[in-house]
């Protein structure tokens, strides 16, 4: 688990990838207490973000924000060039989540925002905005990929409390020349998958679903959850606010508490932080946990 396997149909101009997350997915959702429908959406987003991250032409940090007007107001997933993930979900206040809710019920109308920060253009990230078109998360991303890459793609997603998985297929330019029926055939075969099948060992899954096709399975790439504490980043943010604003915040409660939503970390600083922030030379602050 916690891998992405890319593969190629040897006799067709079709590529694919299989993402299977286990421990990394457990860490990402730990202590969040998401309800099952929200957890499923976030897990599916983690899996599809991994697929897109591993297929980037230039290494960089990729993030997706799904902003909706339904019960799930925000889904965020980030993936860096080492396929390290972090993400979160935010729910509308006082909106009950029904087990029968579809993805469209959960998200409502809204927008998918891609931000891509490559190593070659770190100061000028690329952003793309597309509407949430489709009845489920797979369809939303199929629509996004068709627009962004100008190539048909299909996705099968599944997530629960234990696993988050995705199967990706993409038709490449010479597919119809190699086999006019190839793209339709592999789609129909993949459609026979059940969600539980996506957690099978890659060799087992692919040979079971595509028994007559010749596949080349590439070496697995590891995926991980990465969300360490970063006191220095928080200190830099406080320093940028200026002494007057920090002093005013301390005067109210005697301490400054900052919650990092995406990593679910809490930072708390007392009055002694002032001398470390604004007196020279700067030093590491005393942190209250």
Protein backbone atom coordinates (compact mmCIF):
# COMPACT_ATOMS: atom_id res chain seq x y z
CA UNK A 1 0.00 0.00 0.00
CA UNK A 2 0.91 3.70 -0.30
CA UNK A 3 2.03 3.27 -3.88
CA UNK A 4 1.22 4.36 -7.40
CA UNK A 5 1.82 1.88 -10.23
CA UNK A 6 1.88 3.23 -13.76
CA UNK A 7 1.25 0.80 -16.62
CA UNK A 8 1.03 0.72 -20.39
CA UNK A 9 -1.01 -1.42 -22.75
CA UNK A 10 1.78 -2.75 -24.98
CA UNK A 11 -0.37 -3.22 -28.11
CA UNK A 12 -2.47 -0.07 -27.61
CA UNK A 13 -1.66 3.60 -27.25
CA UNK A 14 -3.31 3.68 -23.81
CA UNK A 15 -1.69 4.34 -20.45
CA UNK A 16 -2.90 3.89 -16.92
CA UNK A 17 -2.08 4.18 -13.25
CA UNK A 18 -3.25 2.51 -10.06
CA UNK A 19 -3.06 4.30 -6.70
CA UNK A 20 -3.47 2.37 -3.45
CA UNK A 21 -3.21 4.26 -0.17
CA UNK A 22 -3.32 2.64 3.27
CA UNK A 23 -1.15 3.95 6.16
CA UNK A 24 -0.76 7.36 4.50
CA UNK A 25 -4.54 7.64 4.22
CA UNK A 26 -4.92 6.63 7.89
CA UNK A 27 -2.52 9.41 8.92
CA UNK A 28 -4.20 12.01 6.75
CA UNK A 29 -7.61 11.46 8.31
CA UNK A 30 -6.37 10.80 11.87
CA UNK A 31 -8.12 12.79 14.63
CA UNK A 32 -10.41 14.44 12.07
CA UNK A 33 -13.56 12.44 12.87
CA UNK A 34 -15.06 12.93 9.41
CA UNK A 35 -18.40 11.31 8.73
CA UNK A 36 -18.31 8.45 6.22
CA UNK A 37 -19.52 10.39 3.12
CA UNK A 38 -16.99 13.17 3.74
CA UNK A 39 -14.19 10.70 4.44
CA UNK A 40 -14.95 8.91 1.18
CA UNK A 41 -14.80 12.13 -0.84
CA UNK A 42 -11.53 13.21 0.77
CA UNK A 43 -9.99 9.77 0.22
CA UNK A 44 -11.01 9.75 -3.43
CA UNK A 45 -9.50 13.22 -3.82
CA UNK A 46 -6.24 12.00 -2.23
CA UNK A 47 -6.07 9.13 -4.73
CA UNK A 48 -6.82 11.18 -7.85
CA UNK A 49 -4.45 13.96 -6.77
CA UNK A 50 -1.70 11.35 -6.48
CA UNK A 51 -2.39 10.16 -10.03
CA UNK A 52 -2.21 13.66 -11.47
CA UNK A 53 0.85 14.48 -9.34
CA UNK A 54 2.81 11.48 -10.60
CA UNK A 55 2.04 12.40 -14.22
CA UNK A 56 3.24 16.00 -14.09
CA UNK A 57 5.58 16.92 -16.93
CA UNK A 58 7.65 19.13 -14.60
CA UNK A 59 8.21 18.35 -10.91
CA UNK A 60 6.34 20.63 -8.55
CA UNK A 61 3.71 21.08 -5.86
CA UNK A 62 0.13 20.44 -6.91
CA UNK A 63 -2.97 21.41 -4.99
CA UNK A 64 -6.69 21.02 -5.64
CA UNK A 65 -9.42 23.03 -3.95
CA UNK A 66 -13.02 21.96 -4.48
CA UNK A 67 -15.33 24.71 -3.30
CA UNK A 68 -18.98 23.79 -3.22
CA UNK A 69 -22.28 25.15 -1.99
CA UNK A 70 -23.52 21.84 -0.60
CA UNK A 71 -22.91 20.20 2.75
CA UNK A 72 -19.19 19.87 1.95
CA UNK A 73 -18.00 23.43 1.49
CA UNK A 74 -14.32 22.71 0.87
CA UNK A 75 -12.04 19.82 -0.05
CA UNK A 76 -8.30 20.47 -0.22
CA UNK A 77 -5.51 18.11 -1.27
CA UNK A 78 -1.85 18.93 -1.82
CA UNK A 79 0.82 16.72 -3.37
CA UNK A 80 4.49 17.62 -3.81
CA UNK A 81 7.11 16.28 -6.21
CA UNK A 82 7.90 13.43 -3.79
CA UNK A 83 4.21 12.37 -3.78
CA UNK A 84 3.75 13.52 -0.20
CA UNK A 85 0.12 14.29 0.59
CA UNK A 86 -1.82 16.47 2.99
CA UNK A 87 -5.41 17.65 2.91
CA UNK A 88 -8.66 18.46 4.69
CA UNK A 89 -12.41 18.79 4.35
CA UNK A 90 -14.72 21.49 5.75
CA UNK A 91 -18.43 21.00 6.34
CA UNK A 92 -21.20 23.57 6.35
CA UNK A 93 -22.50 24.34 9.83
CA UNK A 94 -25.74 22.67 10.94
CA UNK A 95 -26.17 20.67 7.73
CA UNK A 96 -27.05 16.99 8.40
CA UNK A 97 -25.28 14.45 6.19
CA UNK A 98 -27.58 11.71 4.97
CA UNK A 99 -26.13 8.29 4.00
CA UNK A 100 -28.05 8.48 0.72
CA UNK A 101 -26.38 11.75 -0.34
CA UNK A 102 -24.68 11.58 -3.73
CA UNK A 103 -21.46 13.47 -4.48
CA UNK A 104 -23.60 16.12 -6.16
CA UNK A 105 -25.72 16.45 -3.00
CA UNK A 106 -22.56 16.80 -0.89
CA UNK A 107 -20.77 19.31 -3.12
CA UNK A 108 -23.59 21.15 -4.85
CA UNK A 109 -22.54 23.65 -7.48
CA UNK A 110 -19.06 25.05 -7.19
CA UNK A 111 -15.58 25.23 -8.60
CA UNK A 112 -12.44 23.11 -8.90
CA UNK A 113 -9.23 25.12 -8.56
CA UNK A 114 -5.84 23.70 -9.53
CA UNK A 115 -2.65 25.41 -8.35
CA UNK A 116 0.66 24.15 -9.72
CA UNK A 117 3.95 25.52 -8.44
CA UNK A 118 6.87 24.08 -10.41
CA UNK A 119 10.52 24.28 -9.44
CA UNK A 120 11.20 26.22 -12.64
CA UNK A 121 8.59 28.90 -11.86
CA UNK A 122 8.26 28.84 -8.08
CA UNK A 123 7.27 32.52 -7.77
CA UNK A 124 4.55 32.36 -10.43
CA UNK A 125 2.28 29.37 -9.80
CA UNK A 126 -0.12 28.30 -12.51
CA UNK A 127 -3.83 28.30 -11.65
CA UNK A 128 -6.79 26.81 -13.43
CA UNK A 129 -10.50 27.14 -12.60
CA UNK A 130 -13.22 24.79 -13.86
CA UNK A 131 -16.81 24.27 -12.71
CA UNK A 132 -17.79 21.14 -10.82
CA UNK A 133 -19.32 19.28 -13.75
CA UNK A 134 -20.34 15.68 -13.17
CA UNK A 135 -22.43 13.61 -10.77
CA UNK A 136 -19.44 12.28 -8.81
CA UNK A 137 -15.81 13.07 -8.11
CA UNK A 138 -14.56 10.74 -10.87
CA UNK A 139 -16.71 12.52 -13.46
CA UNK A 140 -15.59 15.94 -12.21
CA UNK A 141 -11.94 15.01 -12.74
CA UNK A 142 -12.61 13.30 -16.06
CA UNK A 143 -14.08 16.59 -17.23
CA UNK A 144 -11.08 18.48 -15.87
CA UNK A 145 -8.57 16.14 -17.57
CA UNK A 146 -10.41 16.30 -20.89
CA UNK A 147 -10.11 20.10 -20.80
CA UNK A 148 -6.56 20.37 -19.50
CA UNK A 149 -4.88 17.55 -21.43
CA UNK A 150 -7.11 17.32 -24.51
CA UNK A 151 -7.16 13.54 -24.18
CA UNK A 152 -10.03 11.29 -23.04
CA UNK A 153 -9.50 9.82 -19.57
CA UNK A 154 -11.48 7.58 -17.22
CA UNK A 155 -11.29 7.22 -13.46
CA UNK A 156 -12.60 4.65 -10.98
CA UNK A 157 -12.33 5.79 -7.35
CA UNK A 158 -13.01 4.15 -3.99
CA UNK A 159 -12.30 5.12 -0.39
CA UNK A 160 -13.32 4.01 3.07
CA UNK A 161 -11.72 4.19 6.52
CA UNK A 162 -9.00 1.69 5.49
CA UNK A 163 -8.06 2.43 1.87
CA UNK A 164 -8.17 5.15 -0.76
CA UNK A 165 -7.69 3.87 -4.31
CA UNK A 166 -7.95 4.98 -7.91
CA UNK A 167 -7.64 3.42 -11.35
CA UNK A 168 -6.80 5.80 -14.20
CA UNK A 169 -6.91 5.15 -17.95
CA UNK A 170 -6.02 7.65 -20.68
CA UNK A 171 -6.35 7.39 -24.43
CA UNK A 172 -3.22 8.62 -26.22
CA UNK A 173 -3.07 10.09 -29.77
CA UNK A 174 -2.41 6.88 -31.74
CA UNK A 175 -4.88 4.64 -29.90
CA UNK A 176 -7.40 4.40 -32.75
CA UNK A 177 -4.65 3.63 -35.27
CA UNK A 178 -3.26 0.82 -33.11
CA UNK A 179 -6.69 -0.71 -32.41
CA UNK A 180 -9.96 1.07 -33.33
CA UNK A 181 -11.81 -0.83 -30.60
CA UNK A 182 -9.08 -0.74 -27.95
CA UNK A 183 -10.24 2.30 -25.98
CA UNK A 184 -13.86 1.13 -25.81
CA UNK A 185 -12.76 -2.37 -24.87
CA UNK A 186 -10.56 -1.41 -21.92
CA UNK A 187 -13.22 1.00 -20.62
CA UNK A 188 -15.85 -1.73 -20.62
CA UNK A 189 -13.49 -4.13 -18.90
CA UNK A 190 -12.60 -1.58 -16.20
CA UNK A 191 -16.30 -0.89 -15.63
CA UNK A 192 -16.67 -4.44 -14.29
CA UNK A 193 -14.55 -3.51 -11.25
CA UNK A 194 -16.13 -3.37 -7.84
CA UNK A 195 -14.81 -0.77 -5.36
CA UNK A 196 -13.25 -3.48 -3.18
CA UNK A 197 -11.25 -4.75 -6.19
CA UNK A 198 -9.20 -1.56 -6.31
CA UNK A 199 -7.31 -2.66 -3.17
CA UNK A 200 -6.16 -5.96 -4.73
CA UNK A 201 -2.43 -6.43 -5.48
CA UNK A 202 -1.69 -4.60 -8.76
CA UNK A 203 -0.69 -7.70 -10.73
CA UNK A 204 -3.80 -9.55 -9.56
CA UNK A 205 -6.13 -6.65 -10.32
CA UNK A 206 -4.76 -5.87 -13.79
CA UNK A 207 -4.59 -9.45 -15.03
CA UNK A 208 -8.10 -10.12 -13.70
CA UNK A 209 -9.62 -7.05 -15.35
CA UNK A 210 -7.62 -7.12 -18.59
CA UNK A 211 -6.90 -10.86 -19.09
CA UNK A 212 -6.37 -10.69 -22.87
CA UNK A 213 -4.30 -7.50 -22.93
CA UNK A 214 -0.51 -7.28 -22.80
CA UNK A 215 0.48 -4.89 -20.03
CA UNK A 216 3.79 -3.41 -18.96
CA UNK A 217 3.71 -2.61 -15.23
CA UNK A 218 6.32 -0.10 -14.12
CA UNK A 219 8.03 -0.02 -10.74
CA UNK A 220 5.95 1.33 -7.89
CA UNK A 221 6.41 4.90 -6.70
CA UNK A 222 5.98 5.43 -2.94
CA UNK A 223 3.35 7.82 -1.60
CA UNK A 224 3.34 9.25 1.93
CA UNK A 225 1.58 11.63 4.25
CA UNK A 226 3.72 14.63 5.17
CA UNK A 227 2.58 17.34 7.54
CA UNK A 228 5.29 18.16 10.11
CA UNK A 229 5.08 20.99 12.61
CA UNK A 230 6.65 24.20 11.29
CA UNK A 231 7.17 26.76 14.06
CA UNK A 232 9.44 28.88 11.89
CA UNK A 233 6.71 29.43 9.31
CA UNK A 234 4.31 30.58 12.03
CA UNK A 235 6.96 32.85 13.55
CA UNK A 236 7.59 34.46 10.17
CA UNK A 237 3.85 35.10 9.82
CA UNK A 238 3.68 36.75 13.25
CA UNK A 239 6.74 38.86 12.50
CA UNK A 240 5.10 40.06 9.28
CA UNK A 241 2.08 41.29 11.28
CA UNK A 242 4.26 43.77 13.18
CA UNK A 243 4.86 44.39 16.86
CA UNK A 244 1.76 46.51 17.50
CA UNK A 245 -0.64 43.88 16.19
CA UNK A 246 1.08 41.04 18.05
CA UNK A 247 1.08 43.05 21.30
CA UNK A 248 -2.62 43.81 20.86
CA UNK A 249 -3.40 40.10 20.42
CA UNK A 250 -1.37 39.22 23.52
CA UNK A 251 -3.11 41.94 25.55
CA UNK A 252 -6.48 40.30 24.93
CA UNK A 253 -5.72 36.79 26.19
CA UNK A 254 -2.08 36.71 27.28
CA UNK A 255 -1.21 34.21 24.56
CA UNK A 256 -1.52 33.75 20.82
CA UNK A 257 -3.05 30.51 19.57
CA UNK A 258 -2.84 29.58 15.90
CA UNK A 259 -4.41 26.49 14.39
CA UNK A 260 -2.95 25.03 11.21
CA UNK A 261 -6.08 23.64 9.56
CA UNK A 262 -4.53 21.52 6.86
CA UNK A 263 -2.08 19.75 9.20
CA UNK A 264 -4.29 19.97 12.30
CA UNK A 265 -1.48 21.39 14.46
CA UNK A 266 -1.93 23.93 17.26
CA UNK A 267 0.69 26.61 17.99
CA UNK A 268 0.59 28.69 21.17
CA UNK A 269 2.95 31.51 22.12
CA UNK A 270 3.19 33.57 25.31
CA UNK A 271 4.38 37.16 25.84
CA UNK A 272 8.03 36.10 25.71
CA UNK A 273 7.59 35.62 21.97
CA UNK A 274 7.93 39.40 21.51
CA UNK A 275 11.64 39.52 22.26
CA UNK A 276 12.28 36.70 19.82
CA UNK A 277 10.17 38.27 17.11
CA UNK A 278 11.29 41.86 17.23
CA UNK A 279 14.55 42.09 19.20
CA UNK A 280 17.81 41.44 17.40
CA UNK A 281 19.15 38.92 16.84
CA UNK A 282 16.03 36.76 16.28
CA UNK A 283 16.03 33.42 18.07
CA UNK A 284 13.77 30.44 18.31
CA UNK A 285 10.70 31.30 20.48
CA UNK A 286 9.57 29.49 23.57
CA UNK A 287 6.54 27.46 22.45
CA UNK A 288 3.76 26.37 24.75
CA UNK A 289 2.14 23.06 23.74
